[in-house]
């Protein structure tokens, strides 16, 4: 199955899964106690507050993209939208460092939460109103709205896992979002992960958010040599 045929399957119910994953992530942020914002996240070099600030930027990107129509044929789909990098993030990238400074400027976590709720709700409404078959442009690429929203299920799910990495009492991502994110990551990898693996473990190990155990490396076989998939 080629990328665009796979995309047609992955994009089914794209808006619903996007909305469900995004709503769950925003609800988890809204319920965080103030001390949680100073805890480490699963993103190297970022506290939870930095991650939440990044989600505000993500929501803005969604709004911008959905308001940027394209008339040409798609150049990418929900899988090929993702670029696989060569180096794992260190938190020292200029954009990562900017996010940390922006997050610190909020001072009061309640202001950051309010901003995410405000912009995030708008992004959710815009996604619900968009035509999944329409074409939009982002990062000099063209894709359908359905593929774009599907791609963001992976974004929301990974960052939800990042947020709860050191907050075990905070609810994690929805089950369906985890399953769709796994399917997308397997599309990016070009192969399936071991079937018995939990979706969460596939996402964490596959993207380098935790190292594979020796047993897991054996189960991965040749795929272990392709990991981590540093996507962005």
Protein backbone atom coordinates (compact mmCIF):
# COMPACT_ATOMS: atom_id res chain seq x y z
CA UNK A 1 0.00 0.00 0.00
CA UNK A 2 1.51 3.39 -1.00
CA UNK A 3 1.61 6.41 1.30
CA UNK A 4 -1.44 8.13 -0.18
CA UNK A 5 -3.57 4.96 -0.08
CA UNK A 6 -2.53 4.44 3.53
CA UNK A 7 -3.39 8.08 4.20
CA UNK A 8 -6.96 7.61 2.98
CA UNK A 9 -7.42 4.88 5.57
CA UNK A 10 -5.69 6.78 8.38
CA UNK A 11 -7.69 9.94 7.66
CA UNK A 12 -11.07 8.33 8.31
CA UNK A 13 -12.67 10.02 11.28
CA UNK A 14 -9.71 12.41 11.31
CA UNK A 15 -11.64 15.29 12.80
CA UNK A 16 -13.14 13.15 15.54
CA UNK A 17 -9.81 11.71 16.63
CA UNK A 18 -8.09 15.08 16.39
CA UNK A 19 -10.78 16.66 18.57
CA UNK A 20 -10.80 13.83 21.09
CA UNK A 21 -7.01 13.79 21.47
CA UNK A 22 -6.77 17.56 21.68
CA UNK A 23 -9.64 17.87 24.16
CA UNK A 24 -8.11 15.21 26.41
CA UNK A 25 -4.73 16.94 26.39
CA UNK A 26 -6.22 20.35 27.14
CA UNK A 27 -8.38 18.91 29.93
CA UNK A 28 -5.31 17.30 31.50
CA UNK A 29 -3.48 20.64 31.43
CA UNK A 30 -6.47 22.46 32.91
CA UNK A 31 -6.50 20.11 35.90
CA UNK A 32 -2.77 20.34 36.68
CA UNK A 33 -1.93 21.66 40.16
CA UNK A 34 0.45 24.63 40.11
CA UNK A 35 3.52 22.67 41.32
CA UNK A 36 3.18 20.29 38.35
CA UNK A 37 4.23 23.04 35.95
CA UNK A 38 7.73 22.97 37.47
CA UNK A 39 8.12 19.22 37.05
CA UNK A 40 10.22 17.76 34.20
CA UNK A 41 8.38 16.70 31.06
CA UNK A 42 9.22 13.93 28.64
CA UNK A 43 10.77 16.51 26.28
CA UNK A 44 14.50 16.86 26.86
CA UNK A 45 15.30 20.19 28.51
CA UNK A 46 11.67 21.20 29.02
CA UNK A 47 9.60 21.50 32.15
CA UNK A 48 5.86 20.89 31.96
CA UNK A 49 5.31 24.66 31.71
CA UNK A 50 7.58 24.77 28.64
CA UNK A 51 5.64 21.95 27.05
CA UNK A 52 2.32 23.74 27.70
CA UNK A 53 3.74 26.88 26.09
CA UNK A 54 4.70 24.78 23.07
CA UNK A 55 1.09 23.55 22.89
CA UNK A 56 -0.05 27.18 22.64
CA UNK A 57 2.27 27.60 19.66
CA UNK A 58 0.98 24.34 18.17
CA UNK A 59 -2.60 25.59 18.48
CA UNK A 60 -1.63 28.79 16.69
CA UNK A 61 -0.03 26.73 13.93
CA UNK A 62 -3.26 24.75 13.51
CA UNK A 63 -5.26 27.96 13.17
CA UNK A 64 -2.80 29.41 10.65
CA UNK A 65 -2.70 26.24 8.56
CA UNK A 66 -6.47 25.80 8.45
CA UNK A 67 -6.71 29.39 7.24
CA UNK A 68 -4.12 28.83 4.48
CA UNK A 69 -5.94 27.13 1.58
CA UNK A 70 -4.04 25.57 -1.31
CA UNK A 71 -5.19 24.87 -4.87
CA UNK A 72 -2.42 22.50 -5.95
CA UNK A 73 -2.24 18.72 -5.54
CA UNK A 74 -1.08 17.34 -2.17
CA UNK A 75 2.65 16.86 -1.82
CA UNK A 76 2.51 14.96 1.48
CA UNK A 77 0.03 12.96 3.54
CA UNK A 78 -0.38 12.24 7.25
CA UNK A 79 2.72 10.02 7.21
CA UNK A 80 5.07 11.83 4.84
CA UNK A 81 4.19 15.15 6.54
CA UNK A 82 6.71 14.16 9.21
CA UNK A 83 10.42 14.78 8.75
CA UNK A 84 12.73 12.27 10.42
CA UNK A 85 15.85 13.95 11.82
CA UNK A 86 19.28 12.54 12.52
CA UNK A 87 19.84 13.87 16.03
CA UNK A 88 17.79 13.59 19.19
CA UNK A 89 16.71 16.93 20.69
CA UNK A 90 18.90 18.36 23.45
CA UNK A 91 16.72 21.30 24.44
CA UNK A 92 19.41 23.70 23.22
CA UNK A 93 17.95 24.33 19.77
CA UNK A 94 17.18 28.08 19.34
CA UNK A 95 13.44 27.45 18.95
CA UNK A 96 13.40 25.16 21.98
CA UNK A 97 15.25 27.78 24.00
CA UNK A 98 12.80 30.46 22.85
CA UNK A 99 9.90 28.32 24.09
CA UNK A 100 11.54 28.12 27.52
CA UNK A 101 11.88 31.90 27.67
CA UNK A 102 8.29 32.44 26.55
CA UNK A 103 7.02 30.00 29.17
CA UNK A 104 8.97 31.74 31.92
CA UNK A 105 7.48 35.08 30.89
CA UNK A 106 4.02 33.89 31.90
CA UNK A 107 5.14 33.67 35.56
CA UNK A 108 1.69 32.57 36.77
CA UNK A 109 0.77 29.10 35.40
CA UNK A 110 -2.88 30.16 35.43
CA UNK A 111 -2.13 32.68 32.67
CA UNK A 112 -0.50 29.99 30.58
CA UNK A 113 -3.42 27.64 31.15
CA UNK A 114 -5.88 30.38 30.21
CA UNK A 115 -4.00 31.13 26.98
CA UNK A 116 -3.95 27.46 26.01
CA UNK A 117 -7.66 27.12 26.75
CA UNK A 118 -8.46 30.24 24.71
CA UNK A 119 -6.33 29.51 21.63
CA UNK A 120 -6.75 25.75 21.95
CA UNK A 121 -10.53 25.94 21.95
CA UNK A 122 -10.41 28.09 18.82
CA UNK A 123 -8.15 25.55 17.10
CA UNK A 124 -10.55 22.78 18.04
CA UNK A 125 -13.54 24.68 16.65
CA UNK A 126 -11.68 25.50 13.44
CA UNK A 127 -10.82 21.83 12.96
CA UNK A 128 -14.44 20.83 13.48
CA UNK A 129 -15.64 23.33 10.87
CA UNK A 130 -13.01 22.48 8.25
CA UNK A 131 -13.72 20.32 5.20
CA UNK A 132 -11.51 17.20 5.50
CA UNK A 133 -11.14 17.09 1.71
CA UNK A 134 -9.98 20.70 1.40
CA UNK A 135 -6.29 21.34 0.80
CA UNK A 136 -4.09 23.50 2.98
CA UNK A 137 -0.48 24.62 2.90
CA UNK A 138 2.08 24.50 5.70
CA UNK A 139 5.87 24.43 5.79
CA UNK A 140 5.95 24.74 1.97
CA UNK A 141 3.93 21.51 1.63
CA UNK A 142 0.33 20.84 0.60
CA UNK A 143 -1.96 18.24 2.16
CA UNK A 144 -5.63 17.68 2.78
CA UNK A 145 -7.20 18.94 5.99
CA UNK A 146 -7.99 15.34 6.90
CA UNK A 147 -4.34 14.33 6.60
CA UNK A 148 -3.21 17.41 8.50
CA UNK A 149 -5.56 16.70 11.40
CA UNK A 150 -4.56 13.04 11.37
CA UNK A 151 -0.89 13.98 11.55
CA UNK A 152 -1.65 16.11 14.59
CA UNK A 153 -3.12 13.12 16.43
CA UNK A 154 0.48 11.92 16.64
CA UNK A 155 1.60 15.35 17.87
CA UNK A 156 -1.06 15.54 20.57
CA UNK A 157 -0.55 11.97 21.70
CA UNK A 158 3.23 12.20 21.99
CA UNK A 159 3.03 15.47 23.90
CA UNK A 160 0.34 14.06 26.17
CA UNK A 161 2.77 11.25 27.00
CA UNK A 162 5.48 13.88 27.52
CA UNK A 163 3.29 15.77 29.97
CA UNK A 164 2.48 12.76 32.14
CA UNK A 165 6.00 11.30 32.01
CA UNK A 166 6.67 12.37 35.63
CA UNK A 167 3.06 12.91 36.66
CA UNK A 168 1.65 9.39 37.10
CA UNK A 169 -1.63 10.63 38.59
CA UNK A 170 -2.54 12.67 35.50
CA UNK A 171 -4.71 10.83 32.93
CA UNK A 172 -2.92 9.83 29.75
CA UNK A 173 -3.98 10.00 26.09
CA UNK A 174 -7.20 8.35 24.80
CA UNK A 175 -6.88 4.73 23.69
CA UNK A 176 -7.97 5.45 20.12
CA UNK A 177 -5.47 8.28 19.85
CA UNK A 178 -2.68 5.98 21.00
CA UNK A 179 -3.67 3.39 18.39
CA UNK A 180 -3.78 5.95 15.58
CA UNK A 181 -0.47 7.49 16.67
CA UNK A 182 1.10 4.02 16.61
CA UNK A 183 -0.22 3.42 13.08
CA UNK A 184 1.28 6.72 11.96
CA UNK A 185 4.64 5.96 13.56
CA UNK A 186 4.70 2.54 11.91
CA UNK A 187 3.97 4.27 8.60
CA UNK A 188 6.93 6.58 9.22
CA UNK A 189 9.14 3.63 10.12
CA UNK A 190 7.95 1.70 7.08
CA UNK A 191 7.31 -1.40 9.17
CA UNK A 192 5.28 -2.63 12.13
CA UNK A 193 6.53 -2.80 15.70
CA UNK A 194 6.12 -6.12 17.56
CA UNK A 195 2.38 -6.79 17.75
CA UNK A 196 2.26 -7.63 21.49
CA UNK A 197 3.77 -4.28 22.43
CA UNK A 198 1.51 -1.72 24.06
CA UNK A 199 0.87 1.34 21.92
CA UNK A 200 2.45 3.52 24.61
CA UNK A 201 5.68 1.51 24.54
CA UNK A 202 5.81 1.68 20.73
CA UNK A 203 5.56 5.46 20.86
CA UNK A 204 8.02 5.96 23.70
CA UNK A 205 10.67 3.57 22.41
CA UNK A 206 10.07 4.38 18.75
CA UNK A 207 10.67 8.10 19.24
CA UNK A 208 13.51 7.70 21.75
CA UNK A 209 11.55 8.93 24.73
CA UNK A 210 12.82 5.91 26.62
CA UNK A 211 15.52 3.39 25.68
CA UNK A 212 14.56 -0.12 24.63
CA UNK A 213 15.36 -2.90 27.05
CA UNK A 214 17.61 -5.74 25.92
CA UNK A 215 14.55 -7.94 25.49
CA UNK A 216 12.81 -5.27 23.45
CA UNK A 217 15.88 -4.84 21.22
CA UNK A 218 15.77 -8.54 20.40
CA UNK A 219 12.07 -8.33 19.61
CA UNK A 220 12.65 -5.33 17.38
CA UNK A 221 15.27 -7.10 15.32
CA UNK A 222 16.52 -5.00 12.39
CA UNK A 223 14.11 -2.20 13.30
CA UNK A 224 16.19 -1.48 16.43
CA UNK A 225 18.91 -0.09 14.17
CA UNK A 226 16.53 2.53 12.73
CA UNK A 227 15.56 3.91 16.12
CA UNK A 228 14.94 6.42 17.48
CA UNK A 229 12.69 8.08 14.92
CA UNK A 230 13.29 11.75 15.69
CA UNK A 231 10.25 13.29 14.06
CA UNK A 232 9.34 16.90 13.61
